[in-house]
Amino acid sequence: MMRRAQPWLGTLVDITADGDPQAVSLAFDDIALVHRLMSFHDAASDISRLNRAAARELLDVHPHTWQVLQLAGQIGELSHGLFNIACAPKLVDWRCLPQPDNANIPSYQPALAVYRCEQGHQVRKLAAGWVDVGGIAKGYAVDLAVEALQRAGVVAGCVNAGGDLRCFGERTWPVAVRDPLEPRRSGAQLELRNEALATSAAYFSARSHEGRPISALVDGRSGEPLVMATSASVRAPRCANADALTKVVLASGDAHHAALAGLQASAFII
């Protein structure tokens, strides 16, 4: 079993695999591709191009970007707006994300549809607004890396992107989930086999901004920051789903939210 780590997606991505070292390199290549395509910071990324686009403009995007935007919209609908990637203006206003050069921050309207995925991996910009896929792209990158390892013949492994992880094979993987009140300690321990786990909490991003508490997590219904002293963890077959659904569970406080069943997921709150 080999283990390699590289910095991508704003975190450290750790891959443990039972197989050829070249397979791990291929997996990191896919993670790097997601980083380039979906970075809010990179002016050349698909996400930045979408954010700069005018209303009614049609853009060609990479199939991976299209898939992430499509899935984000699906989970937004399943969660009745709790998950909303168009919350980027809030994150920029709170300085959790950098403000694009020479750009005025658009107003955030929770129910406003900013984009629509169309055929041929095209995306239509519907209204002024910015999106950020930081709440789902890490999980999607983990899924791509797992698939790359499996195509290369790796029989067992685990890909962990800052706590968003997925394991495969006949091995059982022990996982510790942080205590949200004391993140240096374990708050829960569990075992995973052929599934994904993701956790969201405000303990690392919470701070004060202009006299009020904020974090890098947003309630998509209201645009208010999520600053509760709890964490939400979701188990699912795919990490992209688990990643996004943690925000739904954290915002709703409901570990049995209806959106979970629609994506074969389960959750727990600490």
C-alpha atoms as a PDB file:
ATOM      1  CA  MET A   1       0.000   0.000   0.000  1.00  0.00           C
ATOM      2  CA  MET A   2       1.513   3.334  -1.063  1.00  0.00           C
ATOM      3  CA  ARG A   3       0.567   6.809   0.127  1.00  0.00           C
ATOM      4  CA  ARG A   4       1.079  10.140  -1.644  1.00  0.00           C
ATOM      5  CA  ALA A   5      -0.162  13.687  -0.912  1.00  0.00           C
ATOM      6  CA  GLN A   6      -0.312  16.873  -2.982  1.00  0.00           C
ATOM      7  CA  PRO A   7      -1.840  20.339  -2.390  1.00  0.00           C
ATOM      8  CA  TRP A   8      -4.902  20.873  -4.597  1.00  0.00           C
ATOM      9  CA  LEU A   9      -8.355  22.439  -4.291  1.00  0.00           C
ATOM     10  CA  GLY A  10      -7.316  24.582  -1.345  1.00  0.00           C
ATOM     11  CA  THR A  11      -6.422  21.573   0.779  1.00  0.00           C
ATOM     12  CA  LEU A  12      -4.076  18.598   0.980  1.00  0.00           C
ATOM     13  CA  VAL A  13      -5.215  15.645  -1.115  1.00  0.00           C
ATOM     14  CA  ASP A  14      -4.047  12.291   0.207  1.00  0.00           C
ATOM     15  CA  ILE A  15      -4.171   9.100  -1.874  1.00  0.00           C
ATOM     16  CA  THR A  16      -3.531   5.640  -0.457  1.00  0.00           C
ATOM     17  CA  ALA A  17      -3.579   2.844  -3.037  1.00  0.00           C
ATOM     18  CA  ASP A  18      -2.636  -0.778  -3.489  1.00  0.00           C
ATOM     19  CA  GLY A  19      -1.160  -0.751  -6.993  1.00  0.00           C
ATOM     20  CA  ASP A  20       1.183   0.860  -9.509  1.00  0.00           C
ATOM     21  CA  PRO A  21       2.594   4.306  -8.544  1.00  0.00           C
ATOM     22  CA  GLN A  22       1.683   5.495 -12.050  1.00  0.00           C
ATOM     23  CA  ALA A  23      -1.970   4.971 -11.164  1.00  0.00           C
ATOM     24  CA  VAL A  24      -1.640   7.458  -8.310  1.00  0.00           C
ATOM     25  CA  SER A  25      -0.079   9.980 -10.702  1.00  0.00           C
ATOM     26  CA  LEU A  26      -3.043   9.581 -13.059  1.00  0.00           C
ATOM     27  CA  ALA A  27      -5.442  10.149 -10.162  1.00  0.00           C
ATOM     28  CA  PHE A  28      -3.657  13.357  -9.194  1.00  0.00           C
ATOM     29  CA  ASP A  29      -3.830  14.491 -12.829  1.00  0.00           C
ATOM     30  CA  ASP A  30      -7.627  14.317 -12.667  1.00  0.00           C
ATOM     31  CA  ILE A  31      -7.682  16.244  -9.399  1.00  0.00           C
ATOM     32  CA  ALA A  32      -5.454  18.912 -10.917  1.00  0.00           C
ATOM     33  CA  LEU A  33      -7.817  19.166 -13.882  1.00  0.00           C
ATOM     34  CA  VAL A  34     -10.787  19.862 -11.604  1.00  0.00           C
ATOM     35  CA  HIS A  35      -8.704  22.487  -9.817  1.00  0.00           C
ATOM     36  CA  ARG A  36      -7.953  24.276 -13.100  1.00  0.00           C
ATOM     37  CA  LEU A  37     -11.473  24.052 -14.477  1.00  0.00           C
ATOM     38  CA  MET A  38     -13.427  25.064 -11.388  1.00  0.00           C
ATOM     39  CA  SER A  39     -11.268  27.503  -9.448  1.00  0.00           C
ATOM     40  CA  PHE A  40     -12.979  30.723  -8.395  1.00  0.00           C
ATOM     41  CA  HIS A  41      -9.541  32.327  -8.160  1.00  0.00           C
ATOM     42  CA  ASP A  42      -8.274  31.496 -11.674  1.00  0.00           C
ATOM     43  CA  ALA A  43      -9.531  33.950 -14.302  1.00  0.00           C
ATOM     44  CA  ALA A  44      -9.112  31.294 -17.015  1.00  0.00           C
ATOM     45  CA  SER A  45     -11.307  28.650 -15.323  1.00  0.00           C
ATOM     46  CA  ASP A  46     -14.752  27.672 -16.574  1.00  0.00           C
ATOM     47  CA  ILE A  47     -16.261  29.021 -13.350  1.00  0.00           C
ATOM     48  CA  SER A  48     -14.621  32.425 -13.788  1.00  0.00           C
ATOM     49  CA  ARG A  49     -15.751  32.583 -17.409  1.00  0.00           C
ATOM     50  CA  LEU A  50     -19.308  31.812 -16.325  1.00  0.00           C
ATOM     51  CA  ASN A  51     -19.165  34.486 -13.644  1.00  0.00           C
ATOM     52  CA  ARG A  52     -17.961  37.100 -16.156  1.00  0.00           C
ATOM     53  CA  ALA A  53     -20.587  36.151 -18.749  1.00  0.00           C
ATOM     54  CA  ALA A  54     -23.491  38.445 -19.479  1.00  0.00           C
ATOM     55  CA  ALA A  55     -27.101  37.391 -19.016  1.00  0.00           C
ATOM     56  CA  ARG A  56     -28.324  35.117 -21.868  1.00  0.00           C
ATOM     57  CA  GLU A  57     -24.754  34.317 -22.968  1.00  0.00           C
ATOM     58  CA  LEU A  58     -24.119  30.665 -23.894  1.00  0.00           C
ATOM     59  CA  LEU A  59     -20.781  29.128 -22.938  1.00  0.00           C
ATOM     60  CA  ASP A  60     -19.011  25.912 -23.867  1.00  0.00           C
ATOM     61  CA  VAL A  61     -17.535  24.313 -20.759  1.00  0.00           C
ATOM     62  CA  HIS A  62     -15.598  21.147 -20.046  1.00  0.00           C
ATOM     63  CA  PRO A  63     -17.790  18.051 -19.485  1.00  0.00           C
ATOM     64  CA  HIS A  64     -16.582  17.855 -15.871  1.00  0.00           C
ATOM     65  CA  THR A  65     -17.638  21.445 -15.195  1.00  0.00           C
ATOM     66  CA  TRP A  66     -21.008  20.771 -16.812  1.00  0.00           C
ATOM     67  CA  GLN A  67     -21.503  17.677 -14.634  1.00  0.00           C
ATOM     68  CA  VAL A  68     -20.708  19.597 -11.444  1.00  0.00           C
ATOM     69  CA  LEU A  69     -23.027  22.469 -12.358  1.00  0.00           C
ATOM     70  CA  GLN A  70     -25.783  20.018 -13.276  1.00  0.00           C
ATOM     71  CA  LEU A  71     -25.406  18.104 -10.006  1.00  0.00           C
ATOM     72  CA  ALA A  72     -25.310  21.326  -7.992  1.00  0.00           C
ATOM     73  CA  GLY A  73     -28.600  22.365  -9.557  1.00  0.00           C
ATOM     74  CA  GLN A  74     -30.134  18.971  -8.831  1.00  0.00           C
ATOM     75  CA  ILE A  75     -29.139  19.075  -5.165  1.00  0.00           C
ATOM     76  CA  GLY A  76     -30.337  22.664  -4.965  1.00  0.00           C
ATOM     77  CA  GLU A  77     -33.767  21.497  -6.098  1.00  0.00           C
ATOM     78  CA  LEU A  78     -33.797  18.455  -3.810  1.00  0.00           C
ATOM     79  CA  SER A  79     -32.886  20.649  -0.844  1.00  0.00           C
ATOM     80  CA  HIS A  80     -35.388  23.422  -1.724  1.00  0.00           C
ATOM     81  CA  GLY A  81     -32.578  25.956  -2.030  1.00  0.00           C
ATOM     82  CA  LEU A  82     -30.531  25.066   1.041  1.00  0.00           C
ATOM     83  CA  PHE A  83     -27.623  24.223  -1.247  1.00  0.00           C
ATOM     84  CA  ASN A  84     -27.000  27.094  -3.633  1.00  0.00           C
ATOM     85  CA  ILE A  85     -23.679  27.589  -5.424  1.00  0.00           C
ATOM     86  CA  ALA A  86     -24.770  31.105  -6.431  1.00  0.00           C
ATOM     87  CA  CYS A  87     -23.850  32.210  -2.895  1.00  0.00           C
ATOM     88  CA  ALA A  88     -20.431  33.405  -4.125  1.00  0.00           C
ATOM     89  CA  PRO A  89     -21.297  37.132  -3.773  1.00  0.00           C
ATOM     90  CA  LYS A  90     -21.782  36.571  -0.050  1.00  0.00           C
ATOM     91  CA  LEU A  91     -18.428  34.797   0.265  1.00  0.00           C
ATOM     92  CA  VAL A  92     -16.676  37.597  -1.615  1.00  0.00           C
ATOM     93  CA  ASP A  93     -18.371  40.247   0.529  1.00  0.00           C
ATOM     94  CA  TRP A  94     -17.191  38.398   3.661  1.00  0.00           C
ATOM     95  CA  ARG A  95     -13.672  38.066   2.142  1.00  0.00           C
ATOM     96  CA  CYS A  96     -13.808  34.298   2.157  1.00  0.00           C
ATOM     97  CA  LEU A  97     -13.216  34.479  -1.608  1.00  0.00           C
ATOM     98  CA  PRO A  98     -11.166  37.078  -3.528  1.00  0.00           C
ATOM     99  CA  GLN A  99     -13.033  39.760  -5.424  1.00  0.00           C
ATOM    100  CA  PRO A 100     -12.443  39.395  -9.189  1.00  0.00           C
ATOM    101  CA  ASP A 101     -10.489  42.275 -10.727  1.00  0.00           C
ATOM    102  CA  ASN A 102     -12.519  45.365 -11.640  1.00  0.00           C
ATOM    103  CA  ALA A 103     -15.808  43.615 -10.842  1.00  0.00           C
ATOM    104  CA  ASN A 104     -18.669  44.895  -8.730  1.00  0.00           C
ATOM    105  CA  ILE A 105     -20.139  42.324  -6.370  1.00  0.00           C
ATOM    106  CA  PRO A 106     -23.612  41.352  -7.641  1.00  0.00           C
ATOM    107  CA  SER A 107     -26.467  41.216  -5.164  1.00  0.00           C
ATOM    108  CA  TYR A 108     -27.362  37.795  -3.818  1.00  0.00           C
ATOM    109  CA  GLN A 109     -30.954  36.726  -4.451  1.00  0.00           C
ATOM    110  CA  PRO A 110     -31.535  33.224  -3.005  1.00  0.00           C
ATOM    111  CA  ALA A 111     -34.287  32.161  -5.393  1.00  0.00           C
ATOM    112  CA  LEU A 112     -32.640  33.599  -8.517  1.00  0.00           C
ATOM    113  CA  ALA A 113     -31.518  31.089 -11.171  1.00  0.00           C
ATOM    114  CA  VAL A 114     -28.110  32.308 -12.329  1.00  0.00           C
ATOM    115  CA  TYR A 115     -27.401  29.593 -14.921  1.00  0.00           C
ATOM    116  CA  ARG A 116     -28.939  26.630 -16.763  1.00  0.00           C
ATOM    117  CA  CYS A 117     -27.148  23.568 -18.138  1.00  0.00           C
ATOM    118  CA  GLU A 118     -28.032  22.881 -21.764  1.00  0.00           C
ATOM    119  CA  GLN A 119     -27.166  20.163 -24.271  1.00  0.00           C
ATOM    120  CA  GLY A 120     -23.689  19.665 -25.650  1.00  0.00           C
ATOM    121  CA  HIS A 121     -21.951  20.629 -22.407  1.00  0.00           C
ATOM    122  CA  GLN A 122     -23.106  24.202 -22.753  1.00  0.00           C
ATOM    123  CA  VAL A 123     -24.225  26.498 -19.946  1.00  0.00           C
ATOM    124  CA  ARG A 124     -26.563  29.446 -20.322  1.00  0.00           C
ATOM    125  CA  LYS A 125     -26.012  32.438 -18.033  1.00  0.00           C
ATOM    126  CA  LEU A 126     -29.506  33.485 -16.991  1.00  0.00           C
ATOM    127  CA  ALA A 127     -28.917  36.470 -14.728  1.00  0.00           C
ATOM    128  CA  ALA A 128     -26.201  38.541 -13.127  1.00  0.00           C
ATOM    129  CA  GLY A 129     -24.549  36.576 -10.362  1.00  0.00           C
ATOM    130  CA  TRP A 130     -21.521  34.532  -9.371  1.00  0.00           C
ATOM    131  CA  VAL A 131     -21.201  30.850  -8.569  1.00  0.00           C
ATOM    132  CA  ASP A 132     -18.624  29.020  -6.500  1.00  0.00           C
ATOM    133  CA  VAL A 133     -18.428  25.223  -6.597  1.00  0.00           C
ATOM    134  CA  GLY A 134     -16.134  24.865  -3.593  1.00  0.00           C
ATOM    135  CA  GLY A 135     -18.901  23.018  -1.758  1.00  0.00           C
ATOM    136  CA  ILE A 136     -19.110  20.189  -4.291  1.00  0.00           C
ATOM    137  CA  ALA A 137     -16.023  20.185  -6.545  1.00  0.00           C
ATOM    138  CA  LYS A 138     -13.718  18.572  -3.982  1.00  0.00           C
ATOM    139  CA  GLY A 139     -16.058  15.603  -3.736  1.00  0.00           C
ATOM    140  CA  TYR A 140     -16.305  15.395  -7.518  1.00  0.00           C
ATOM    141  CA  ALA A 141     -12.506  15.423  -7.793  1.00  0.00           C
ATOM    142  CA  VAL A 142     -12.306  12.591  -5.266  1.00  0.00           C
ATOM    143  CA  ASP A 143     -14.724  10.540  -7.374  1.00  0.00           C
ATOM    144  CA  LEU A 144     -12.660  11.165 -10.519  1.00  0.00           C
ATOM    145  CA  ALA A 145      -9.484  10.110  -8.720  1.00  0.00           C
ATOM    146  CA  VAL A 146     -11.100   6.895  -7.493  1.00  0.00           C
ATOM    147  CA  GLU A 147     -12.276   6.083 -11.009  1.00  0.00           C
ATOM    148  CA  ALA A 148      -8.772   6.748 -12.386  1.00  0.00           C
ATOM    149  CA  LEU A 149      -7.275   4.355  -9.843  1.00  0.00           C
ATOM    150  CA  GLN A 150      -9.827   1.683 -10.677  1.00  0.00           C
ATOM    151  CA  ARG A 151      -9.236   2.031 -14.437  1.00  0.00           C
ATOM    152  CA  ALA A 152      -5.523   1.555 -13.781  1.00  0.00           C
ATOM    153  CA  GLY A 153      -6.198  -1.736 -12.016  1.00  0.00           C
ATOM    154  CA  VAL A 154      -5.877  -0.621  -8.386  1.00  0.00           C
ATOM    155  CA  VAL A 155      -7.906  -3.068  -6.286  1.00  0.00           C
ATOM    156  CA  ALA A 156      -8.183  -1.040  -3.070  1.00  0.00           C
ATOM    157  CA  GLY A 157      -7.570   2.540  -2.078  1.00  0.00           C
ATOM    158  CA  CYS A 158      -8.752   5.733  -0.447  1.00  0.00           C
ATOM    159  CA  VAL A 159      -8.742   9.324  -1.712  1.00  0.00           C
ATOM    160  CA  ASN A 160      -9.060  12.036   0.943  1.00  0.00           C
ATOM    161  CA  ALA A 161      -9.365  15.725   0.022  1.00  0.00           C
ATOM    162  CA  GLY A 162      -9.334  17.579   3.319  1.00  0.00           C
ATOM    163  CA  GLY A 163     -11.883  15.286   4.938  1.00  0.00           C
ATOM    164  CA  ASP A 164     -13.978  14.587   1.852  1.00  0.00           C
ATOM    165  CA  LEU A 165     -13.031  11.011   1.109  1.00  0.00           C
ATOM    166  CA  ARG A 166     -13.996   7.843  -0.710  1.00  0.00           C
ATOM    167  CA  CYS A 167     -12.630   4.339  -0.321  1.00  0.00           C
ATOM    168  CA  PHE A 168     -12.983   1.249  -2.494  1.00  0.00           C
ATOM    169  CA  GLY A 169     -12.015  -2.399  -2.504  1.00  0.00           C
ATOM    170  CA  GLU A 170     -12.452  -5.182   0.025  1.00  0.00           C
ATOM    171  CA  ARG A 171     -10.589  -3.346   2.763  1.00  0.00           C
ATOM    172  CA  THR A 172     -12.301  -1.599   5.683  1.00  0.00           C
ATOM    173  CA  TRP A 173     -11.017   1.918   6.380  1.00  0.00           C
ATOM    174  CA  PRO A 174     -11.184   3.420   9.897  1.00  0.00           C
ATOM    175  CA  VAL A 175     -12.146   7.117   9.882  1.00  0.00           C
ATOM    176  CA  ALA A 176     -12.240   9.655  12.708  1.00  0.00           C
ATOM    177  CA  VAL A 177     -14.535  12.690  12.535  1.00  0.00           C
ATOM    178  CA  ARG A 178     -13.434  15.796  14.419  1.00  0.00           C
ATOM    179  CA  ASP A 179     -15.220  17.020  17.538  1.00  0.00           C
ATOM    180  CA  PRO A 180     -16.631  20.403  16.385  1.00  0.00           C
ATOM    181  CA  LEU A 181     -16.121  21.878  19.859  1.00  0.00           C
ATOM    182  CA  GLU A 182     -12.486  20.731  19.986  1.00  0.00           C
ATOM    183  CA  PRO A 183     -11.336  19.946  16.413  1.00  0.00           C
ATOM    184  CA  ARG A 184      -8.046  18.478  17.583  1.00  0.00           C
ATOM    185  CA  ARG A 185      -9.984  15.620  19.159  1.00  0.00           C
ATOM    186  CA  SER A 186     -12.086  12.877  17.614  1.00  0.00           C
ATOM    187  CA  GLY A 187     -15.828  13.263  18.014  1.00  0.00           C
ATOM    188  CA  ALA A 188     -16.806  10.014  16.294  1.00  0.00           C
ATOM    189  CA  GLN A 189     -15.131   6.986  14.798  1.00  0.00           C
ATOM    190  CA  LEU A 190     -16.522   4.754  12.077  1.00  0.00           C
ATOM    191  CA  GLU A 191     -15.495   2.280   9.412  1.00  0.00           C
ATOM    192  CA  LEU A 192     -16.028   2.683   5.670  1.00  0.00           C
ATOM    193  CA  ARG A 193     -16.039   0.170   2.844  1.00  0.00           C
ATOM    194  CA  ASN A 194     -16.809   1.060  -0.778  1.00  0.00           C
ATOM    195  CA  GLU A 195     -18.405   4.390   0.101  1.00  0.00           C
ATOM    196  CA  ALA A 196     -17.723   8.081   0.593  1.00  0.00           C
ATOM    197  CA  LEU A 197     -17.833  10.331   3.632  1.00  0.00           C
ATOM    198  CA  ALA A 198     -17.782  14.123   3.825  1.00  0.00           C
ATOM    199  CA  THR A 199     -18.032  16.501   6.769  1.00  0.00           C
ATOM    200  CA  SER A 200     -18.822  20.218   6.968  1.00  0.00           C
ATOM    201  CA  ALA A 201     -18.450  22.521   9.963  1.00  0.00           C
ATOM    202  CA  ALA A 202     -17.550  26.135  10.640  1.00  0.00           C
ATOM    203  CA  TYR A 203     -14.739  25.490  13.125  1.00  0.00           C
ATOM    204  CA  PHE A 204     -11.893  26.374  10.736  1.00  0.00           C
ATOM    205  CA  SER A 205     -13.506  29.222   8.759  1.00  0.00           C
ATOM    206  CA  ALA A 206     -15.606  30.989  11.428  1.00  0.00           C
ATOM    207  CA  ARG A 207     -14.515  34.518  12.308  1.00  0.00           C
ATOM    208  CA  SER A 208     -15.884  38.007  12.828  1.00  0.00           C
ATOM    209  CA  HIS A 209     -16.510  40.304   9.863  1.00  0.00           C
ATOM    210  CA  GLU A 210     -17.772  43.856  10.330  1.00  0.00           C
ATOM    211  CA  GLY A 211     -18.961  43.027  13.811  1.00  0.00           C
ATOM    212  CA  ARG A 212     -20.835  39.829  13.021  1.00  0.00           C
ATOM    213  CA  PRO A 213     -19.883  36.145  12.993  1.00  0.00           C
ATOM    214  CA  ILE A 214     -19.424  34.624   9.533  1.00  0.00           C
ATOM    215  CA  SER A 215     -17.960  31.485   7.994  1.00  0.00           C
ATOM    216  CA  ALA A 216     -17.307  30.035   4.542  1.00  0.00           C
ATOM    217  CA  LEU A 217     -20.632  28.155   4.750  1.00  0.00           C
ATOM    218  CA  VAL A 218     -23.883  29.748   3.616  1.00  0.00           C
ATOM    219  CA  ASP A 219     -27.565  28.933   4.060  1.00  0.00           C
ATOM    220  CA  GLY A 220     -28.724  29.076   0.445  1.00  0.00           C
ATOM    221  CA  ARG A 221     -32.270  30.079   1.421  1.00  0.00           C
ATOM    222  CA  SER A 222     -31.352  33.269   3.231  1.00  0.00           C
ATOM    223  CA  GLY A 223     -27.730  34.006   2.426  1.00  0.00           C
ATOM    224  CA  GLU A 224     -26.907  33.926   6.128  1.00  0.00           C
ATOM    225  CA  PRO A 225     -23.639  32.402   7.343  1.00  0.00           C
ATOM    226  CA  LEU A 226     -23.644  29.022   9.068  1.00  0.00           C
ATOM    227  CA  VAL A 227     -21.789  29.495  12.344  1.00  0.00           C
ATOM    228  CA  MET A 228     -23.303  26.821  14.593  1.00  0.00           C
ATOM    229  CA  ALA A 229     -20.990  24.794  16.829  1.00  0.00           C
ATOM    230  CA  THR A 230     -21.944  21.495  15.200  1.00  0.00           C
ATOM    231  CA  SER A 231     -20.727  19.426  12.268  1.00  0.00           C
ATOM    232  CA  ALA A 232     -22.651  17.455   9.653  1.00  0.00           C
ATOM    233  CA  SER A 233     -21.281  14.255   8.101  1.00  0.00           C
ATOM    234  CA  VAL A 234     -22.806  12.403   5.157  1.00  0.00           C
ATOM    235  CA  ARG A 235     -22.131   8.885   3.880  1.00  0.00           C
ATOM    236  CA  ALA A 236     -22.999   8.186   0.235  1.00  0.00           C
ATOM    237  CA  PRO A 237     -21.871   6.048  -2.715  1.00  0.00           C
ATOM    238  CA  ARG A 238     -20.274   9.102  -4.381  1.00  0.00           C
ATOM    239  CA  CYS A 239     -18.224  11.798  -2.710  1.00  0.00           C
ATOM    240  CA  ALA A 240     -19.659  14.681  -4.770  1.00  0.00           C
ATOM    241  CA  ASN A 241     -23.103  13.916  -3.368  1.00  0.00           C
ATOM    242  CA  ALA A 242     -21.800  13.549   0.165  1.00  0.00           C
ATOM    243  CA  ASP A 243     -19.852  16.815  -0.115  1.00  0.00           C
ATOM    244  CA  ALA A 244     -22.857  18.880  -1.193  1.00  0.00           C
ATOM    245  CA  LEU A 245     -25.317  17.205   1.161  1.00  0.00           C
ATOM    246  CA  THR A 246     -23.267  18.089   4.232  1.00  0.00           C
ATOM    247  CA  LYS A 247     -24.278  21.720   3.674  1.00  0.00           C
ATOM    248  CA  VAL A 248     -27.924  20.704   3.419  1.00  0.00           C
ATOM    249  CA  VAL A 249     -27.791  18.803   6.699  1.00  0.00           C
ATOM    250  CA  LEU A 250     -25.813  21.524   8.480  1.00  0.00           C
ATOM    251  CA  ALA A 251     -28.152  24.322   7.353  1.00  0.00           C
ATOM    252  CA  SER A 252     -31.336  22.388   8.101  1.00  0.00           C
ATOM    253  CA  GLY A 253     -30.138  20.687  11.274  1.00  0.00           C
ATOM    254  CA  ASP A 254     -31.927  17.605   9.934  1.00  0.00           C
ATOM    255  CA  ALA A 255     -29.910  14.390   9.693  1.00  0.00           C
ATOM    256  CA  HIS A 256     -32.898  12.793   7.931  1.00  0.00           C
ATOM    257  CA  HIS A 257     -33.498  15.499   5.319  1.00  0.00           C
ATOM    258  CA  ALA A 258     -35.475  14.222   2.335  1.00  0.00           C
ATOM    259  CA  ALA A 259     -32.637  15.135  -0.055  1.00  0.00           C
ATOM    260  CA  LEU A 260     -30.518  12.359   1.470  1.00  0.00           C
ATOM    261  CA  ALA A 261     -32.813   9.533   0.443  1.00  0.00           C
ATOM    262  CA  GLY A 262     -32.897  10.792  -3.135  1.00  0.00           C
ATOM    263  CA  LEU A 263     -29.149  10.253  -3.394  1.00  0.00           C
ATOM    264  CA  GLN A 264     -28.850   7.059  -1.312  1.00  0.00           C
ATOM    265  CA  ALA A 265     -27.150   8.942   1.500  1.00  0.00           C
ATOM    266  CA  SER A 266     -27.302   8.980   5.286  1.00  0.00           C
ATOM    267  CA  ALA A 267     -26.070  11.572   7.779  1.00  0.00           C
ATOM    268  CA  PHE A 268     -25.213  12.291  11.370  1.00  0.00           C
ATOM    269  CA  ILE A 269     -24.669  15.513  13.315  1.00  0.00           C
ATOM    270  CA  ILE A 270     -22.149  16.025  16.098  1.00  0.00           C
END
